[in-house]
Amino acid sequence: MTDIAQEFAYDAAAVHAATDRLLVSVAKLDDEAVGEPSLLPDWTRGHVLAHLARNADALANLLTWARTGTRTPMYASPAARDADIERDAGRPLAAHVEDLRSSAERWETACSALGPEGLSYEVEMRNGVIEQAGRLPFRRLAEVELHHVDLGVGYTVDHLAPEYVDAELAFLAERRLKDDAEVAALELRTDDGRSWRTGRADGTPLTVSGSPTALVGWLTGRTAGAGLVTGGGARLPELPDR
């Protein structure tokens, strides 16, 4: 089995486990709690749940694209994506749970249908981002894990699996934030000795050190930077809201 096939299978299994954890948390809510604010600005928990269900279908669309070679966008349009979330946000808990379950099943079916030849196929995500189909389970894993945190139901960044945290930190440093002119020049250092140079390519980087979990929490906007230490005691820079 190739590396990309192993990664695909591992991440797909991780998505299944993360979705199960999410459903356990959601089942403890009630209709009133679904309508309460989440940890994301201007979104209720219902908005987060609706987004998670539609994102499963959107990423399944990309897997279909990779399998068939026929362009199948994530969403019909940005406006349609937003409208679907608004439409579904106010539903009762039972409807959200059923939607999460059924969309997860459709996602898993799409994963199972993608053969080895489709793993290297490149598809276009939102905002023009190009990604290999074999990396889509990791993308889905990030959605499930981080939005589970956003629900504000007691699942925090400290509950994230270490394997996911390590993969997410490398992804953020090596791809998402790398050479981003809106991100301060940074040198990220973990307690176990790993380091990354990321952010703006010019200028002297600010060293930010801490555990992988603390770094991921800050870089994804889920924490204010608790547990991190900066070189010279400088303040942590503001990160763009993405």
C-alpha atoms as a PDB file:
ATOM      1  CA  MET A   1       0.000   0.000   0.000  1.00  0.00           C
ATOM      2  CA  THR A   2       1.378   3.420  -0.949  1.00  0.00           C
ATOM      3  CA  ASP A   3       1.936   6.189   1.582  1.00  0.00           C
ATOM      4  CA  ILE A   4      -1.002   8.219   0.271  1.00  0.00           C
ATOM      5  CA  ALA A   5      -3.271   5.152   0.442  1.00  0.00           C
ATOM      6  CA  GLN A   6      -2.187   4.473   4.026  1.00  0.00           C
ATOM      7  CA  GLU A   7      -2.773   8.110   4.948  1.00  0.00           C
ATOM      8  CA  PHE A   8      -6.194   8.072   3.291  1.00  0.00           C
ATOM      9  CA  ALA A   9      -7.265   4.920   5.140  1.00  0.00           C
ATOM     10  CA  TYR A  10      -5.895   6.146   8.483  1.00  0.00           C
ATOM     11  CA  ASP A  11      -7.555   9.550   8.228  1.00  0.00           C
ATOM     12  CA  ALA A  12     -10.861   8.077   7.043  1.00  0.00           C
ATOM     13  CA  ALA A  13     -10.907   5.852  10.136  1.00  0.00           C
ATOM     14  CA  ALA A  14     -10.029   8.860  12.301  1.00  0.00           C
ATOM     15  CA  VAL A  15     -12.963  10.786  10.819  1.00  0.00           C
ATOM     16  CA  HIS A  16     -15.307   7.943  11.735  1.00  0.00           C
ATOM     17  CA  ALA A  17     -14.067   7.935  15.338  1.00  0.00           C
ATOM     18  CA  ALA A  18     -14.215  11.734  15.590  1.00  0.00           C
ATOM     19  CA  THR A  19     -17.757  11.749  14.226  1.00  0.00           C
ATOM     20  CA  ASP A  20     -18.793   9.203  16.848  1.00  0.00           C
ATOM     21  CA  ARG A  21     -17.368  11.453  19.573  1.00  0.00           C
ATOM     22  CA  LEU A  22     -19.199  14.433  18.088  1.00  0.00           C
ATOM     23  CA  LEU A  23     -22.510  12.559  18.042  1.00  0.00           C
ATOM     24  CA  VAL A  24     -22.095  11.579  21.692  1.00  0.00           C
ATOM     25  CA  SER A  25     -21.663  15.251  22.607  1.00  0.00           C
ATOM     26  CA  VAL A  26     -24.542  16.430  20.428  1.00  0.00           C
ATOM     27  CA  ALA A  27     -26.912  13.806  21.863  1.00  0.00           C
ATOM     28  CA  LYS A  28     -26.535  15.451  25.278  1.00  0.00           C
ATOM     29  CA  LEU A  29     -28.003  18.727  23.995  1.00  0.00           C
ATOM     30  CA  ASP A  30     -31.656  19.704  23.665  1.00  0.00           C
ATOM     31  CA  ASP A  31     -33.573  21.963  21.285  1.00  0.00           C
ATOM     32  CA  GLU A  32     -32.909  25.029  23.404  1.00  0.00           C
ATOM     33  CA  ALA A  33     -29.173  24.374  23.601  1.00  0.00           C
ATOM     34  CA  VAL A  34     -28.974  23.985  19.823  1.00  0.00           C
ATOM     35  CA  GLY A  35     -30.211  27.556  19.463  1.00  0.00           C
ATOM     36  CA  GLU A  36     -27.678  28.985  21.923  1.00  0.00           C
ATOM     37  CA  PRO A  37     -24.482  30.755  20.783  1.00  0.00           C
ATOM     38  CA  SER A  38     -21.514  28.632  19.824  1.00  0.00           C
ATOM     39  CA  LEU A  39     -17.922  29.754  20.320  1.00  0.00           C
ATOM     40  CA  LEU A  40     -17.875  31.082  16.759  1.00  0.00           C
ATOM     41  CA  PRO A  41     -18.970  34.705  16.235  1.00  0.00           C
ATOM     42  CA  ASP A  42     -22.586  35.085  15.082  1.00  0.00           C
ATOM     43  CA  TRP A  43     -23.191  31.330  14.880  1.00  0.00           C
ATOM     44  CA  THR A  44     -25.423  29.261  17.129  1.00  0.00           C
ATOM     45  CA  ARG A  45     -24.664  25.628  17.789  1.00  0.00           C
ATOM     46  CA  GLY A  46     -27.267  24.906  15.121  1.00  0.00           C
ATOM     47  CA  HIS A  47     -25.191  26.819  12.574  1.00  0.00           C
ATOM     48  CA  VAL A  48     -22.124  24.737  13.459  1.00  0.00           C
ATOM     49  CA  LEU A  49     -24.054  21.472  13.181  1.00  0.00           C
ATOM     50  CA  ALA A  50     -25.643  22.458   9.874  1.00  0.00           C
ATOM     51  CA  HIS A  51     -22.238  23.427   8.503  1.00  0.00           C
ATOM     52  CA  LEU A  52     -20.724  20.103   9.557  1.00  0.00           C
ATOM     53  CA  ALA A  53     -23.433  18.134   7.760  1.00  0.00           C
ATOM     54  CA  ARG A  54     -23.186  20.187   4.578  1.00  0.00           C
ATOM     55  CA  ASN A  55     -19.383  20.036   4.650  1.00  0.00           C
ATOM     56  CA  ALA A  56     -19.557  16.224   4.682  1.00  0.00           C
ATOM     57  CA  ASP A  57     -21.650  16.344   1.516  1.00  0.00           C
ATOM     58  CA  ALA A  58     -19.376  19.002  -0.005  1.00  0.00           C
ATOM     59  CA  LEU A  59     -16.243  16.948   0.494  1.00  0.00           C
ATOM     60  CA  ALA A  60     -18.057  13.860  -0.784  1.00  0.00           C
ATOM     61  CA  ASN A  61     -18.705  15.876  -3.953  1.00  0.00           C
ATOM     62  CA  LEU A  62     -14.943  16.312  -4.352  1.00  0.00           C
ATOM     63  CA  LEU A  63     -14.367  12.587  -3.918  1.00  0.00           C
ATOM     64  CA  THR A  64     -16.950  11.981  -6.644  1.00  0.00           C
ATOM     65  CA  TRP A  65     -15.069  14.432  -8.861  1.00  0.00           C
ATOM     66  CA  ALA A  66     -11.817  12.533  -8.277  1.00  0.00           C
ATOM     67  CA  ARG A  67     -13.510   9.187  -8.960  1.00  0.00           C
ATOM     68  CA  THR A  68     -15.346  10.187 -12.128  1.00  0.00           C
ATOM     69  CA  GLY A  69     -13.213  12.986 -13.535  1.00  0.00           C
ATOM     70  CA  THR A  70     -16.355  15.124 -13.844  1.00  0.00           C
ATOM     71  CA  ARG A  71     -16.042  18.483 -12.135  1.00  0.00           C
ATOM     72  CA  THR A  72     -18.263  18.435  -9.050  1.00  0.00           C
ATOM     73  CA  PRO A  73     -17.798  21.546  -6.886  1.00  0.00           C
ATOM     74  CA  MET A  74     -18.111  21.443  -3.124  1.00  0.00           C
ATOM     75  CA  TYR A  75     -21.033  23.862  -3.177  1.00  0.00           C
ATOM     76  CA  ALA A  76     -23.225  25.238  -5.946  1.00  0.00           C
ATOM     77  CA  SER A  77     -21.995  28.708  -4.964  1.00  0.00           C
ATOM     78  CA  PRO A  78     -20.779  30.582  -1.867  1.00  0.00           C
ATOM     79  CA  ALA A  79     -24.242  32.081  -1.508  1.00  0.00           C
ATOM     80  CA  ALA A  80     -25.888  28.653  -1.690  1.00  0.00           C
ATOM     81  CA  ARG A  81     -23.514  27.336   0.990  1.00  0.00           C
ATOM     82  CA  ASP A  82     -24.406  30.172   3.349  1.00  0.00           C
ATOM     83  CA  ALA A  83     -28.119  29.869   2.596  1.00  0.00           C
ATOM     84  CA  ASP A  84     -28.127  26.137   3.332  1.00  0.00           C
ATOM     85  CA  ILE A  85     -26.508  26.724   6.729  1.00  0.00           C
ATOM     86  CA  GLU A  86     -28.997  29.468   7.609  1.00  0.00           C
ATOM     87  CA  ARG A  87     -31.902  27.307   6.441  1.00  0.00           C
ATOM     88  CA  ASP A  88     -30.911  24.351   8.591  1.00  0.00           C
ATOM     89  CA  ALA A  89     -29.514  26.065  11.681  1.00  0.00           C
ATOM     90  CA  GLY A  90     -32.829  26.434  13.485  1.00  0.00           C
ATOM     91  CA  ARG A  91     -33.944  22.812  13.217  1.00  0.00           C
ATOM     92  CA  PRO A  92     -34.680  20.742  16.332  1.00  0.00           C
ATOM     93  CA  LEU A  93     -31.949  18.545  17.757  1.00  0.00           C
ATOM     94  CA  ALA A  94     -33.362  15.323  16.300  1.00  0.00           C
ATOM     95  CA  ALA A  95     -33.167  16.717  12.770  1.00  0.00           C
ATOM     96  CA  HIS A  96     -29.561  17.798  13.273  1.00  0.00           C
ATOM     97  CA  VAL A  97     -28.562  14.394  14.629  1.00  0.00           C
ATOM     98  CA  GLU A  98     -30.193  12.573  11.725  1.00  0.00           C
ATOM     99  CA  ASP A  99     -28.536  14.911   9.225  1.00  0.00           C
ATOM    100  CA  LEU A 100     -25.123  14.449  10.820  1.00  0.00           C
ATOM    101  CA  ARG A 101     -25.525  10.668  10.727  1.00  0.00           C
ATOM    102  CA  SER A 102     -26.805  10.449   7.164  1.00  0.00           C
ATOM    103  CA  SER A 103     -24.269  12.911   5.751  1.00  0.00           C
ATOM    104  CA  ALA A 104     -21.481  10.999   7.522  1.00  0.00           C
ATOM    105  CA  GLU A 105     -22.710   7.799   5.882  1.00  0.00           C
ATOM    106  CA  ARG A 106     -22.686   9.471   2.452  1.00  0.00           C
ATOM    107  CA  TRP A 107     -19.155  10.709   3.112  1.00  0.00           C
ATOM    108  CA  GLU A 108     -17.973   7.213   4.080  1.00  0.00           C
ATOM    109  CA  THR A 109     -19.615   5.733   0.998  1.00  0.00           C
ATOM    110  CA  ALA A 110     -17.756   8.242  -1.181  1.00  0.00           C
ATOM    111  CA  CYS A 111     -14.480   7.362   0.563  1.00  0.00           C
ATOM    112  CA  SER A 112     -15.035   3.657  -0.017  1.00  0.00           C
ATOM    113  CA  ALA A 113     -15.832   4.226  -3.690  1.00  0.00           C
ATOM    114  CA  LEU A 114     -12.591   6.067  -4.466  1.00  0.00           C
ATOM    115  CA  GLY A 115     -10.047   3.663  -5.888  1.00  0.00           C
ATOM    116  CA  PRO A 116      -6.248   3.964  -5.544  1.00  0.00           C
ATOM    117  CA  GLU A 117      -6.009   5.657  -8.935  1.00  0.00           C
ATOM    118  CA  GLY A 118      -8.084   8.581  -7.676  1.00  0.00           C
ATOM    119  CA  LEU A 119      -6.017   9.393  -4.591  1.00  0.00           C
ATOM    120  CA  SER A 120      -3.560  11.636  -6.439  1.00  0.00           C
ATOM    121  CA  TYR A 121      -6.283  13.375  -8.441  1.00  0.00           C
ATOM    122  CA  GLU A 122      -6.336  17.110  -7.729  1.00  0.00           C
ATOM    123  CA  VAL A 123      -9.614  18.865  -6.980  1.00  0.00           C
ATOM    124  CA  GLU A 124     -10.502  22.461  -6.197  1.00  0.00           C
ATOM    125  CA  MET A 125     -11.805  23.295  -2.746  1.00  0.00           C
ATOM    126  CA  ARG A 126     -13.413  26.536  -1.630  1.00  0.00           C
ATOM    127  CA  ASN A 127     -11.559  29.759  -2.420  1.00  0.00           C
ATOM    128  CA  GLY A 128      -9.576  28.090  -5.177  1.00  0.00           C
ATOM    129  CA  VAL A 129      -7.475  25.852  -2.924  1.00  0.00           C
ATOM    130  CA  ILE A 130      -6.123  22.829  -4.809  1.00  0.00           C
ATOM    131  CA  GLU A 131      -5.904  19.551  -2.901  1.00  0.00           C
ATOM    132  CA  GLN A 132      -5.250  15.901  -3.645  1.00  0.00           C
ATOM    133  CA  ALA A 133      -8.259  13.661  -3.137  1.00  0.00           C
ATOM    134  CA  GLY A 134      -6.152  11.478  -0.865  1.00  0.00           C
ATOM    135  CA  ARG A 135      -5.896  14.380   1.581  1.00  0.00           C
ATOM    136  CA  LEU A 136      -9.631  15.018   1.841  1.00  0.00           C
ATOM    137  CA  PRO A 137     -10.182  12.745   4.876  1.00  0.00           C
ATOM    138  CA  PHE A 138      -7.631  14.849   6.777  1.00  0.00           C
ATOM    139  CA  ARG A 139      -9.522  17.972   5.717  1.00  0.00           C
ATOM    140  CA  ARG A 140     -12.757  16.445   6.995  1.00  0.00           C
ATOM    141  CA  LEU A 141     -11.072  15.398  10.239  1.00  0.00           C
ATOM    142  CA  ALA A 142     -10.057  18.998  10.905  1.00  0.00           C
ATOM    143  CA  GLU A 143     -13.630  20.150  10.318  1.00  0.00           C
ATOM    144  CA  VAL A 144     -15.106  17.609  12.727  1.00  0.00           C
ATOM    145  CA  GLU A 145     -12.518  18.039  15.461  1.00  0.00           C
ATOM    146  CA  LEU A 146     -12.256  21.833  15.486  1.00  0.00           C
ATOM    147  CA  HIS A 147     -15.984  22.460  15.124  1.00  0.00           C
ATOM    148  CA  HIS A 148     -16.605  19.990  17.952  1.00  0.00           C
ATOM    149  CA  VAL A 149     -14.542  22.416  20.032  1.00  0.00           C
ATOM    150  CA  ASP A 150     -16.570  25.334  18.633  1.00  0.00           C
ATOM    151  CA  LEU A 151     -19.819  23.880  19.962  1.00  0.00           C
ATOM    152  CA  GLY A 152     -18.762  24.877  23.475  1.00  0.00           C
ATOM    153  CA  VAL A 153     -19.961  21.647  25.057  1.00  0.00           C
ATOM    154  CA  GLY A 154     -16.838  20.822  27.065  1.00  0.00           C
ATOM    155  CA  TYR A 155     -14.782  19.344  24.235  1.00  0.00           C
ATOM    156  CA  THR A 156     -11.641  21.499  24.131  1.00  0.00           C
ATOM    157  CA  VAL A 157      -8.373  21.457  22.235  1.00  0.00           C
ATOM    158  CA  ASP A 158      -6.977  19.366  25.079  1.00  0.00           C
ATOM    159  CA  HIS A 159      -9.312  16.561  23.998  1.00  0.00           C
ATOM    160  CA  LEU A 160      -7.897  16.438  20.452  1.00  0.00           C
ATOM    161  CA  ALA A 161      -6.028  13.247  19.602  1.00  0.00           C
ATOM    162  CA  PRO A 162      -2.233  13.759  19.677  1.00  0.00           C
ATOM    163  CA  GLU A 163      -1.896  12.198  16.205  1.00  0.00           C
ATOM    164  CA  TYR A 164      -4.343  14.705  14.767  1.00  0.00           C
ATOM    165  CA  VAL A 165      -2.683  17.607  16.594  1.00  0.00           C
ATOM    166  CA  ASP A 166       0.731  16.693  15.165  1.00  0.00           C
ATOM    167  CA  ALA A 167      -0.667  16.415  11.639  1.00  0.00           C
ATOM    168  CA  GLU A 168      -2.601  19.670  11.956  1.00  0.00           C
ATOM    169  CA  LEU A 169       0.427  21.568  13.275  1.00  0.00           C
ATOM    170  CA  ALA A 170       2.572  20.377  10.372  1.00  0.00           C
ATOM    171  CA  PHE A 171      -0.188  21.265   7.895  1.00  0.00           C
ATOM    172  CA  LEU A 172      -0.602  24.753   9.310  1.00  0.00           C
ATOM    173  CA  ALA A 173       3.115  25.481   9.428  1.00  0.00           C
ATOM    174  CA  GLU A 174       4.115  23.884   6.138  1.00  0.00           C
ATOM    175  CA  ARG A 175       1.120  24.729   3.964  1.00  0.00           C
ATOM    176  CA  ARG A 176      -1.664  26.942   5.237  1.00  0.00           C
ATOM    177  CA  LEU A 177       0.405  29.682   6.888  1.00  0.00           C
ATOM    178  CA  LYS A 178       3.645  29.275   4.958  1.00  0.00           C
ATOM    179  CA  ASP A 179       4.645  32.482   3.142  1.00  0.00           C
ATOM    180  CA  ASP A 180       1.321  34.107   4.077  1.00  0.00           C
ATOM    181  CA  ALA A 181       1.903  37.860   3.986  1.00  0.00           C
ATOM    182  CA  GLU A 182      -0.904  38.393   6.519  1.00  0.00           C
ATOM    183  CA  VAL A 183       0.795  36.218   9.146  1.00  0.00           C
ATOM    184  CA  ALA A 184       3.786  37.494  11.112  1.00  0.00           C
ATOM    185  CA  ALA A 185       7.103  35.758  10.485  1.00  0.00           C
ATOM    186  CA  LEU A 186       7.161  32.940  13.024  1.00  0.00           C
ATOM    187  CA  GLU A 187       9.399  30.157  14.223  1.00  0.00           C
ATOM    188  CA  LEU A 188       7.229  27.577  15.937  1.00  0.00           C
ATOM    189  CA  ARG A 189       8.923  25.283  18.436  1.00  0.00           C
ATOM    190  CA  THR A 190       7.433  22.324  20.256  1.00  0.00           C
ATOM    191  CA  ASP A 191       8.492  20.990  23.624  1.00  0.00           C
ATOM    192  CA  ASP A 192       9.895  17.858  21.969  1.00  0.00           C
ATOM    193  CA  GLY A 193      12.365  19.811  19.838  1.00  0.00           C
ATOM    194  CA  ARG A 194      10.566  20.146  16.501  1.00  0.00           C
ATOM    195  CA  SER A 195      10.460  23.518  14.757  1.00  0.00           C
ATOM    196  CA  TRP A 196       8.974  25.212  11.704  1.00  0.00           C
ATOM    197  CA  ARG A 197       9.588  28.552   9.998  1.00  0.00           C
ATOM    198  CA  THR A 198       6.276  29.882   8.764  1.00  0.00           C
ATOM    199  CA  GLY A 199       4.300  33.047   8.107  1.00  0.00           C
ATOM    200  CA  ARG A 200       5.828  35.920   6.125  1.00  0.00           C
ATOM    201  CA  ALA A 201       9.036  34.976   4.363  1.00  0.00           C
ATOM    202  CA  ASP A 202      10.715  38.296   5.158  1.00  0.00           C
ATOM    203  CA  GLY A 203      11.837  39.660   8.512  1.00  0.00           C
ATOM    204  CA  THR A 204      13.204  38.132  11.677  1.00  0.00           C
ATOM    205  CA  PRO A 205      10.785  35.476  12.897  1.00  0.00           C
ATOM    206  CA  LEU A 206       9.269  35.632  16.353  1.00  0.00           C
ATOM    207  CA  THR A 207       9.864  32.392  18.237  1.00  0.00           C
ATOM    208  CA  VAL A 208       6.716  30.880  19.725  1.00  0.00           C
ATOM    209  CA  SER A 209       7.205  27.784  21.867  1.00  0.00           C
ATOM    210  CA  GLY A 210       4.890  25.355  23.607  1.00  0.00           C
ATOM    211  CA  SER A 211       3.130  22.034  23.325  1.00  0.00           C
ATOM    212  CA  PRO A 212       1.722  20.982  19.936  1.00  0.00           C
ATOM    213  CA  THR A 213      -1.786  21.306  21.381  1.00  0.00           C
ATOM    214  CA  ALA A 214      -1.152  24.850  22.615  1.00  0.00           C
ATOM    215  CA  LEU A 215       0.276  25.833  19.240  1.00  0.00           C
ATOM    216  CA  VAL A 216      -2.635  24.344  17.293  1.00  0.00           C
ATOM    217  CA  GLY A 217      -5.134  25.967  19.642  1.00  0.00           C
ATOM    218  CA  TRP A 218      -3.616  29.391  19.005  1.00  0.00           C
ATOM    219  CA  LEU A 219      -2.966  28.998  15.281  1.00  0.00           C
ATOM    220  CA  THR A 220      -6.551  27.887  14.635  1.00  0.00           C
ATOM    221  CA  GLY A 221      -8.024  30.651  16.794  1.00  0.00           C
ATOM    222  CA  ARG A 222      -9.442  28.254  19.373  1.00  0.00           C
ATOM    223  CA  THR A 223      -7.356  29.693  22.222  1.00  0.00           C
ATOM    224  CA  ALA A 224      -5.718  33.025  22.958  1.00  0.00           C
ATOM    225  CA  GLY A 225      -2.318  31.369  23.274  1.00  0.00           C
ATOM    226  CA  ALA A 226      -2.402  29.895  26.774  1.00  0.00           C
ATOM    227  CA  GLY A 227       0.711  27.829  27.487  1.00  0.00           C
ATOM    228  CA  LEU A 228       2.848  29.490  24.806  1.00  0.00           C
ATOM    229  CA  VAL A 229       6.099  31.376  25.365  1.00  0.00           C
ATOM    230  CA  THR A 230       7.530  33.958  22.960  1.00  0.00           C
ATOM    231  CA  GLY A 231      11.125  34.965  22.397  1.00  0.00           C
ATOM    232  CA  GLY A 232      12.031  37.991  24.471  1.00  0.00           C
ATOM    233  CA  GLY A 233       8.660  37.936  26.153  1.00  0.00           C
ATOM    234  CA  ALA A 234       7.032  39.644  23.152  1.00  0.00           C
ATOM    235  CA  ARG A 235       3.276  39.629  22.784  1.00  0.00           C
ATOM    236  CA  LEU A 236       1.772  37.031  20.528  1.00  0.00           C
ATOM    237  CA  PRO A 237       0.915  38.617  17.152  1.00  0.00           C
ATOM    238  CA  GLU A 238      -2.646  38.860  15.934  1.00  0.00           C
ATOM    239  CA  LEU A 239      -3.567  36.181  13.434  1.00  0.00           C
ATOM    240  CA  PRO A 240      -5.955  36.794  10.537  1.00  0.00           C
ATOM    241  CA  ASP A 241      -9.502  35.548  11.029  1.00  0.00           C
ATOM    242  CA  ARG A 242      -9.975  32.790   8.462  1.00  0.00           C
END
